[in-house]
N, C-alpha and C. Protein backbone atom coordinates (compact mmCIF):
# COMPACT_ATOMS: atom_id res chain seq x y z
N MET A 1 -10.17 -4.21 70.49
CA MET A 1 -8.91 -4.84 70.83
C MET A 1 -9.21 -6.01 71.76
N GLU A 2 -8.64 -7.15 71.42
CA GLU A 2 -8.89 -8.37 72.18
C GLU A 2 -7.56 -9.07 72.46
N LEU A 3 -7.34 -9.45 73.71
CA LEU A 3 -6.13 -10.18 74.08
C LEU A 3 -6.38 -11.68 74.00
N LYS A 4 -5.44 -12.40 73.39
CA LYS A 4 -5.56 -13.86 73.25
C LYS A 4 -4.20 -14.48 73.56
N LYS A 5 -4.24 -15.75 73.93
CA LYS A 5 -3.00 -16.49 74.13
C LYS A 5 -2.54 -17.05 72.78
N GLY A 6 -1.27 -16.91 72.53
CA GLY A 6 -0.70 -17.37 71.27
C GLY A 6 0.21 -18.56 71.45
N ILE A 7 0.71 -19.04 70.34
CA ILE A 7 1.64 -20.17 70.36
C ILE A 7 2.89 -19.81 71.16
N HIS A 8 3.54 -20.82 71.70
CA HIS A 8 4.78 -20.67 72.47
C HIS A 8 4.61 -19.74 73.67
N ASP A 9 3.40 -19.74 74.25
CA ASP A 9 3.11 -18.92 75.42
C ASP A 9 3.32 -17.43 75.14
N SER A 10 2.88 -17.02 73.97
CA SER A 10 2.94 -15.61 73.60
C SER A 10 1.56 -14.97 73.84
N ASN A 11 1.49 -13.69 73.58
CA ASN A 11 0.25 -12.93 73.79
C ASN A 11 -0.08 -12.17 72.51
N ILE A 12 -1.32 -12.27 72.09
CA ILE A 12 -1.75 -11.63 70.86
C ILE A 12 -2.70 -10.49 71.19
N ILE A 13 -2.42 -9.34 70.62
CA ILE A 13 -3.32 -8.20 70.68
C ILE A 13 -4.04 -8.19 69.33
N ASN A 14 -5.24 -8.73 69.34
CA ASN A 14 -6.01 -8.88 68.11
C ASN A 14 -6.86 -7.62 67.89
N ASP A 15 -6.50 -6.86 66.87
CA ASP A 15 -7.23 -5.63 66.56
C ASP A 15 -7.38 -5.52 65.05
N CYS A 16 -7.89 -6.59 64.46
CA CYS A 16 -7.91 -6.69 63.00
C CYS A 16 -9.27 -6.37 62.39
N TYR A 17 -10.07 -5.58 63.07
CA TYR A 17 -11.42 -5.31 62.58
C TYR A 17 -11.58 -3.96 61.90
N ASN A 18 -10.63 -3.06 62.12
CA ASN A 18 -10.62 -1.79 61.41
C ASN A 18 -9.24 -1.18 61.52
N ALA A 19 -8.96 -0.23 60.66
CA ALA A 19 -7.66 0.42 60.73
C ALA A 19 -7.73 1.79 60.07
N ASN A 20 -7.34 2.78 60.84
CA ASN A 20 -7.09 4.12 60.33
C ASN A 20 -5.88 4.63 61.09
N TYR A 21 -5.38 5.77 60.74
CA TYR A 21 -4.14 6.23 61.37
C TYR A 21 -4.28 6.31 62.89
N ASP A 22 -5.36 6.91 63.38
CA ASP A 22 -5.50 7.09 64.83
C ASP A 22 -5.56 5.75 65.57
N SER A 23 -6.29 4.79 65.03
CA SER A 23 -6.38 3.49 65.71
C SER A 23 -5.06 2.73 65.63
N MET A 24 -4.34 2.87 64.53
CA MET A 24 -3.01 2.25 64.42
C MET A 24 -2.07 2.85 65.46
N LYS A 25 -2.06 4.17 65.54
CA LYS A 25 -1.19 4.86 66.50
C LYS A 25 -1.49 4.41 67.93
N SER A 26 -2.76 4.36 68.29
CA SER A 26 -3.15 3.94 69.64
C SER A 26 -2.72 2.50 69.93
N ALA A 27 -2.92 1.62 68.97
CA ALA A 27 -2.54 0.21 69.17
C ALA A 27 -1.03 0.06 69.30
N ILE A 28 -0.27 0.80 68.52
CA ILE A 28 1.19 0.75 68.60
C ILE A 28 1.66 1.30 69.94
N GLU A 29 1.05 2.38 70.40
CA GLU A 29 1.40 2.94 71.71
C GLU A 29 1.10 1.94 72.82
N TYR A 30 -0.01 1.24 72.71
CA TYR A 30 -0.34 0.21 73.70
C TYR A 30 0.72 -0.89 73.68
N LEU A 31 1.07 -1.37 72.50
CA LEU A 31 2.11 -2.40 72.38
C LEU A 31 3.41 -1.93 73.01
N SER A 32 3.73 -0.66 72.85
CA SER A 32 5.01 -0.15 73.35
C SER A 32 5.12 -0.18 74.87
N ILE A 33 3.98 -0.18 75.58
CA ILE A 33 4.05 -0.11 77.05
C ILE A 33 3.94 -1.47 77.73
N VAL A 34 3.59 -2.53 77.00
CA VAL A 34 3.49 -3.84 77.65
C VAL A 34 4.89 -4.38 77.94
N LYS A 35 4.98 -5.16 79.00
CA LYS A 35 6.24 -5.82 79.33
C LYS A 35 6.29 -7.11 78.52
N ALA A 36 7.27 -7.19 77.62
CA ALA A 36 7.32 -8.31 76.69
C ALA A 36 8.76 -8.71 76.42
N ASN A 37 8.91 -9.98 76.05
CA ASN A 37 10.19 -10.45 75.56
C ASN A 37 10.54 -9.68 74.28
N LYS A 38 9.65 -9.77 73.28
CA LYS A 38 9.75 -8.99 72.05
C LYS A 38 8.38 -8.40 71.75
N LYS A 39 8.40 -7.23 71.15
CA LYS A 39 7.17 -6.57 70.72
C LYS A 39 7.13 -6.63 69.20
N ILE A 40 6.14 -7.34 68.68
CA ILE A 40 6.02 -7.59 67.25
C ILE A 40 4.75 -6.95 66.74
N ALA A 41 4.86 -6.13 65.71
CA ALA A 41 3.68 -5.53 65.08
C ALA A 41 3.48 -6.16 63.71
N VAL A 42 2.30 -6.72 63.49
CA VAL A 42 1.91 -7.28 62.20
C VAL A 42 0.83 -6.36 61.65
N LEU A 43 1.19 -5.56 60.66
CA LEU A 43 0.31 -4.52 60.18
C LEU A 43 0.00 -4.69 58.70
N GLY A 44 -1.24 -4.43 58.37
CA GLY A 44 -1.67 -4.51 56.98
C GLY A 44 -2.16 -3.17 56.47
N ASP A 45 -2.65 -3.20 55.26
CA ASP A 45 -3.13 -1.99 54.61
C ASP A 45 -4.28 -1.34 55.37
N MET A 46 -4.24 -0.02 55.40
CA MET A 46 -5.38 0.78 55.82
C MET A 46 -6.05 1.19 54.51
N LEU A 47 -7.28 0.82 54.34
CA LEU A 47 -7.95 1.04 53.06
C LEU A 47 -8.83 2.28 53.08
N GLU A 48 -9.22 2.71 51.92
CA GLU A 48 -10.14 3.83 51.72
C GLU A 48 -9.63 5.14 52.31
N LEU A 49 -8.34 5.42 52.08
CA LEU A 49 -7.75 6.66 52.58
C LEU A 49 -7.62 7.72 51.50
N GLY A 50 -7.89 7.36 50.27
CA GLY A 50 -7.82 8.32 49.17
C GLY A 50 -6.42 8.88 48.97
N ASP A 51 -6.35 10.18 48.77
CA ASP A 51 -5.08 10.86 48.49
C ASP A 51 -4.10 10.81 49.67
N MET A 52 -4.58 10.49 50.83
CA MET A 52 -3.74 10.47 52.04
C MET A 52 -3.09 9.11 52.29
N GLU A 53 -3.34 8.15 51.42
CA GLU A 53 -2.89 6.77 51.65
C GLU A 53 -1.40 6.66 51.95
N LYS A 54 -0.55 7.16 51.08
CA LYS A 54 0.90 7.04 51.27
C LYS A 54 1.35 7.77 52.54
N GLU A 55 0.89 9.00 52.70
CA GLU A 55 1.29 9.80 53.86
C GLU A 55 0.91 9.14 55.18
N LEU A 56 -0.31 8.62 55.27
CA LEU A 56 -0.76 8.02 56.53
C LEU A 56 -0.05 6.69 56.82
N HIS A 57 0.24 5.90 55.80
CA HIS A 57 1.01 4.68 56.03
C HIS A 57 2.43 5.03 56.50
N GLU A 58 3.01 6.06 55.93
CA GLU A 58 4.34 6.49 56.38
C GLU A 58 4.29 6.98 57.83
N LYS A 59 3.23 7.68 58.20
CA LYS A 59 3.10 8.15 59.59
C LYS A 59 3.02 6.96 60.56
N VAL A 60 2.40 5.86 60.14
CA VAL A 60 2.38 4.66 60.98
C VAL A 60 3.80 4.13 61.13
N GLY A 61 4.59 4.17 60.06
CA GLY A 61 6.00 3.77 60.15
C GLY A 61 6.77 4.61 61.16
N GLU A 62 6.47 5.90 61.21
CA GLU A 62 7.09 6.78 62.20
C GLU A 62 6.73 6.33 63.61
N GLU A 63 5.47 5.94 63.81
CA GLU A 63 5.03 5.47 65.14
C GLU A 63 5.75 4.18 65.53
N ILE A 64 5.93 3.28 64.57
CA ILE A 64 6.67 2.03 64.84
C ILE A 64 8.07 2.36 65.35
N TYR A 65 8.75 3.25 64.65
CA TYR A 65 10.10 3.62 65.03
C TYR A 65 10.12 4.36 66.37
N LYS A 66 9.25 5.33 66.51
CA LYS A 66 9.20 6.17 67.72
C LYS A 66 8.90 5.34 68.97
N ASN A 67 8.09 4.29 68.82
CA ASN A 67 7.68 3.48 69.97
C ASN A 67 8.55 2.25 70.19
N ASN A 68 9.68 2.17 69.51
CA ASN A 68 10.68 1.12 69.74
C ASN A 68 10.10 -0.29 69.62
N ILE A 69 9.32 -0.53 68.58
CA ILE A 69 8.80 -1.87 68.33
C ILE A 69 9.96 -2.73 67.82
N ASP A 70 10.08 -3.95 68.34
CA ASP A 70 11.23 -4.79 68.03
C ASP A 70 11.20 -5.35 66.61
N ILE A 71 10.03 -5.86 66.20
CA ILE A 71 9.92 -6.50 64.89
C ILE A 71 8.67 -5.98 64.20
N LEU A 72 8.81 -5.65 62.92
CA LEU A 72 7.69 -5.18 62.11
C LEU A 72 7.49 -6.15 60.96
N ILE A 73 6.26 -6.62 60.82
CA ILE A 73 5.87 -7.46 59.69
C ILE A 73 4.71 -6.74 59.01
N THR A 74 4.85 -6.48 57.71
CA THR A 74 3.75 -5.86 56.98
C THR A 74 3.24 -6.83 55.92
N VAL A 75 1.94 -6.68 55.65
CA VAL A 75 1.29 -7.47 54.61
C VAL A 75 0.48 -6.50 53.76
N GLY A 76 0.75 -6.50 52.47
CA GLY A 76 0.00 -5.66 51.55
C GLY A 76 0.85 -4.60 50.89
N LYS A 77 0.34 -4.12 49.80
CA LYS A 77 1.05 -3.14 48.98
C LYS A 77 1.25 -1.81 49.72
N SER A 78 0.19 -1.28 50.29
CA SER A 78 0.28 0.01 50.99
C SER A 78 1.06 -0.10 52.29
N ALA A 79 0.91 -1.22 52.98
CA ALA A 79 1.60 -1.41 54.26
C ALA A 79 3.11 -1.41 54.10
N LYS A 80 3.59 -1.69 52.91
CA LYS A 80 5.03 -1.65 52.65
C LYS A 80 5.59 -0.26 52.94
N GLN A 81 4.75 0.77 52.77
CA GLN A 81 5.17 2.14 53.09
C GLN A 81 5.49 2.30 54.57
N ILE A 82 4.78 1.55 55.42
CA ILE A 82 5.06 1.56 56.85
C ILE A 82 6.49 1.10 57.09
N ALA A 83 6.83 -0.02 56.48
CA ALA A 83 8.16 -0.60 56.65
C ALA A 83 9.25 0.31 56.09
N MET A 84 9.00 0.87 54.93
CA MET A 84 10.00 1.74 54.30
C MET A 84 10.31 2.95 55.16
N LYS A 85 9.28 3.53 55.79
CA LYS A 85 9.49 4.70 56.64
C LYS A 85 10.21 4.32 57.93
N ALA A 86 9.83 3.20 58.53
CA ALA A 86 10.52 2.75 59.76
C ALA A 86 12.00 2.50 59.47
N LYS A 87 12.29 1.88 58.35
CA LYS A 87 13.69 1.63 57.95
C LYS A 87 14.42 2.95 57.71
N GLU A 88 13.78 3.86 56.99
CA GLU A 88 14.38 5.16 56.69
C GLU A 88 14.76 5.90 57.97
N LEU A 89 13.94 5.75 59.01
CA LEU A 89 14.19 6.45 60.27
C LEU A 89 15.24 5.76 61.13
N GLY A 90 15.57 4.50 60.82
CA GLY A 90 16.64 3.84 61.56
C GLY A 90 16.32 2.48 62.13
N MET A 91 15.12 1.97 61.91
CA MET A 91 14.82 0.61 62.37
C MET A 91 15.68 -0.36 61.58
N SER A 92 16.25 -1.32 62.27
CA SER A 92 17.14 -2.28 61.62
C SER A 92 16.40 -3.10 60.56
N GLU A 93 16.98 -3.16 59.38
CA GLU A 93 16.38 -3.91 58.27
C GLU A 93 16.19 -5.38 58.61
N LYS A 94 17.04 -5.92 59.49
CA LYS A 94 16.92 -7.33 59.85
C LYS A 94 15.69 -7.61 60.71
N ASN A 95 15.03 -6.56 61.19
CA ASN A 95 13.83 -6.70 62.00
C ASN A 95 12.56 -6.30 61.26
N ILE A 96 12.66 -6.13 59.95
CA ILE A 96 11.53 -5.71 59.13
C ILE A 96 11.28 -6.76 58.06
N TYR A 97 10.03 -7.19 57.95
CA TYR A 97 9.64 -8.20 56.96
C TYR A 97 8.39 -7.71 56.24
N CYS A 98 8.45 -7.71 54.92
CA CYS A 98 7.32 -7.27 54.09
C CYS A 98 6.84 -8.44 53.24
N PHE A 99 5.54 -8.67 53.28
CA PHE A 99 4.95 -9.76 52.51
C PHE A 99 3.73 -9.26 51.75
N GLU A 100 3.44 -9.93 50.65
CA GLU A 100 2.22 -9.66 49.89
C GLU A 100 1.09 -10.58 50.37
N GLU A 101 1.45 -11.75 50.89
CA GLU A 101 0.45 -12.76 51.27
C GLU A 101 0.49 -13.01 52.78
N LYS A 102 -0.68 -13.17 53.38
CA LYS A 102 -0.79 -13.45 54.81
C LYS A 102 -0.09 -14.74 55.20
N GLU A 103 -0.15 -15.74 54.32
CA GLU A 103 0.44 -17.05 54.63
C GLU A 103 1.94 -16.94 54.89
N ASN A 104 2.61 -16.06 54.16
CA ASN A 104 4.04 -15.86 54.37
C ASN A 104 4.32 -15.19 55.71
N ALA A 105 3.45 -14.27 56.10
CA ALA A 105 3.59 -13.63 57.40
C ALA A 105 3.39 -14.64 58.52
N VAL A 106 2.41 -15.52 58.36
CA VAL A 106 2.16 -16.56 59.37
C VAL A 106 3.37 -17.47 59.52
N GLU A 107 3.95 -17.87 58.41
CA GLU A 107 5.14 -18.73 58.45
C GLU A 107 6.28 -18.05 59.20
N LYS A 108 6.51 -16.76 58.91
CA LYS A 108 7.57 -16.01 59.59
C LYS A 108 7.26 -15.92 61.09
N LEU A 109 6.01 -15.62 61.44
CA LEU A 109 5.63 -15.53 62.84
C LEU A 109 5.87 -16.84 63.58
N ARG A 110 5.49 -17.94 62.97
CA ARG A 110 5.69 -19.25 63.62
C ARG A 110 7.16 -19.52 63.90
N ASN A 111 8.05 -18.92 63.12
CA ASN A 111 9.48 -19.14 63.29
C ASN A 111 10.14 -18.17 64.28
N ILE A 112 9.48 -17.06 64.58
CA ILE A 112 10.14 -16.08 65.45
C ILE A 112 9.47 -15.88 66.80
N ILE A 113 8.22 -16.29 66.93
CA ILE A 113 7.51 -16.09 68.20
C ILE A 113 8.13 -16.95 69.30
N GLU A 114 8.36 -16.32 70.44
CA GLU A 114 8.90 -17.00 71.61
C GLU A 114 8.05 -16.66 72.83
N LYS A 115 8.29 -17.40 73.89
CA LYS A 115 7.59 -17.19 75.15
C LYS A 115 7.74 -15.73 75.59
N GLY A 116 6.60 -15.15 75.96
CA GLY A 116 6.61 -13.79 76.49
C GLY A 116 6.51 -12.69 75.44
N ASP A 117 6.46 -13.06 74.17
CA ASP A 117 6.31 -12.05 73.13
C ASP A 117 4.88 -11.52 73.11
N TYR A 118 4.74 -10.27 72.71
CA TYR A 118 3.44 -9.67 72.43
C TYR A 118 3.38 -9.36 70.95
N ILE A 119 2.28 -9.76 70.31
CA ILE A 119 2.11 -9.58 68.88
C ILE A 119 0.85 -8.78 68.63
N LEU A 120 1.00 -7.60 68.05
CA LEU A 120 -0.13 -6.77 67.63
C LEU A 120 -0.49 -7.15 66.20
N ILE A 121 -1.76 -7.46 65.98
CA ILE A 121 -2.23 -7.79 64.63
C ILE A 121 -3.31 -6.78 64.27
N LYS A 122 -3.02 -5.96 63.23
CA LYS A 122 -3.95 -4.86 62.91
C LYS A 122 -3.92 -4.53 61.42
N ALA A 123 -5.11 -4.40 60.87
CA ALA A 123 -5.30 -4.00 59.47
C ALA A 123 -6.77 -3.71 59.25
N SER A 124 -7.09 -3.18 58.09
CA SER A 124 -8.50 -3.02 57.73
C SER A 124 -9.16 -4.38 57.67
N ASN A 125 -10.41 -4.43 58.04
CA ASN A 125 -11.14 -5.70 58.13
C ASN A 125 -11.09 -6.51 56.84
N SER A 126 -11.16 -5.85 55.70
CA SER A 126 -11.17 -6.58 54.44
C SER A 126 -9.83 -7.23 54.10
N MET A 127 -8.80 -7.00 54.90
CA MET A 127 -7.53 -7.70 54.74
C MET A 127 -7.60 -9.11 55.35
N HIS A 128 -8.64 -9.38 56.14
CA HIS A 128 -8.88 -10.70 56.75
C HIS A 128 -7.72 -11.16 57.63
N PHE A 129 -7.23 -10.25 58.47
CA PHE A 129 -6.14 -10.59 59.37
C PHE A 129 -6.56 -11.54 60.48
N GLU A 130 -7.87 -11.78 60.65
CA GLU A 130 -8.28 -12.78 61.64
C GLU A 130 -7.69 -14.14 61.28
N GLU A 131 -7.38 -14.36 60.02
CA GLU A 131 -6.73 -15.61 59.60
C GLU A 131 -5.33 -15.71 60.20
N ILE A 132 -4.63 -14.61 60.31
CA ILE A 132 -3.31 -14.61 60.94
C ILE A 132 -3.47 -14.89 62.43
N THR A 133 -4.41 -14.19 63.06
CA THR A 133 -4.66 -14.41 64.49
C THR A 133 -4.98 -15.88 64.76
N ASN A 134 -5.89 -16.45 64.00
CA ASN A 134 -6.27 -17.84 64.21
C ASN A 134 -5.11 -18.80 64.01
N ALA A 135 -4.22 -18.48 63.08
CA ALA A 135 -3.11 -19.37 62.77
C ALA A 135 -2.06 -19.39 63.88
N ILE A 136 -1.99 -18.34 64.69
CA ILE A 136 -0.96 -18.32 65.75
C ILE A 136 -1.56 -18.36 67.15
N CYS A 137 -2.87 -18.58 67.24
CA CYS A 137 -3.50 -18.74 68.55
C CYS A 137 -3.18 -20.12 69.11
N ASN A 138 -3.19 -20.19 70.43
CA ASN A 138 -2.97 -21.47 71.11
C ASN A 138 -4.13 -22.40 70.89
């Protein structure tokens, strides 16, 4: 996990080098305790989970909801399960964005990031989320 300064005087929690349920949960819990204008989670697919893929992505959605994350952005086919579970549990649909392409997530982030926001960026390394981090770094 690496802290970086982001656009519009925001803060980026860059953790895009690996992803499994436990590391996702820990990163979300960390995001939940920082003092921020908005807490934004940008999450991608956790790969190589086998038969547990759907269940574990849904469990991440539960963590998003349980930890009161303000905005959820997902990228990838499996990560959409995160969003669906968070919505099912009661997260407002207007605060959930699902994309297939990283470029669309970057565009959305550039439009919503404000001063004092904290943005968690996390996915399996092969999702290449460092491209998202680089696009919104100062």
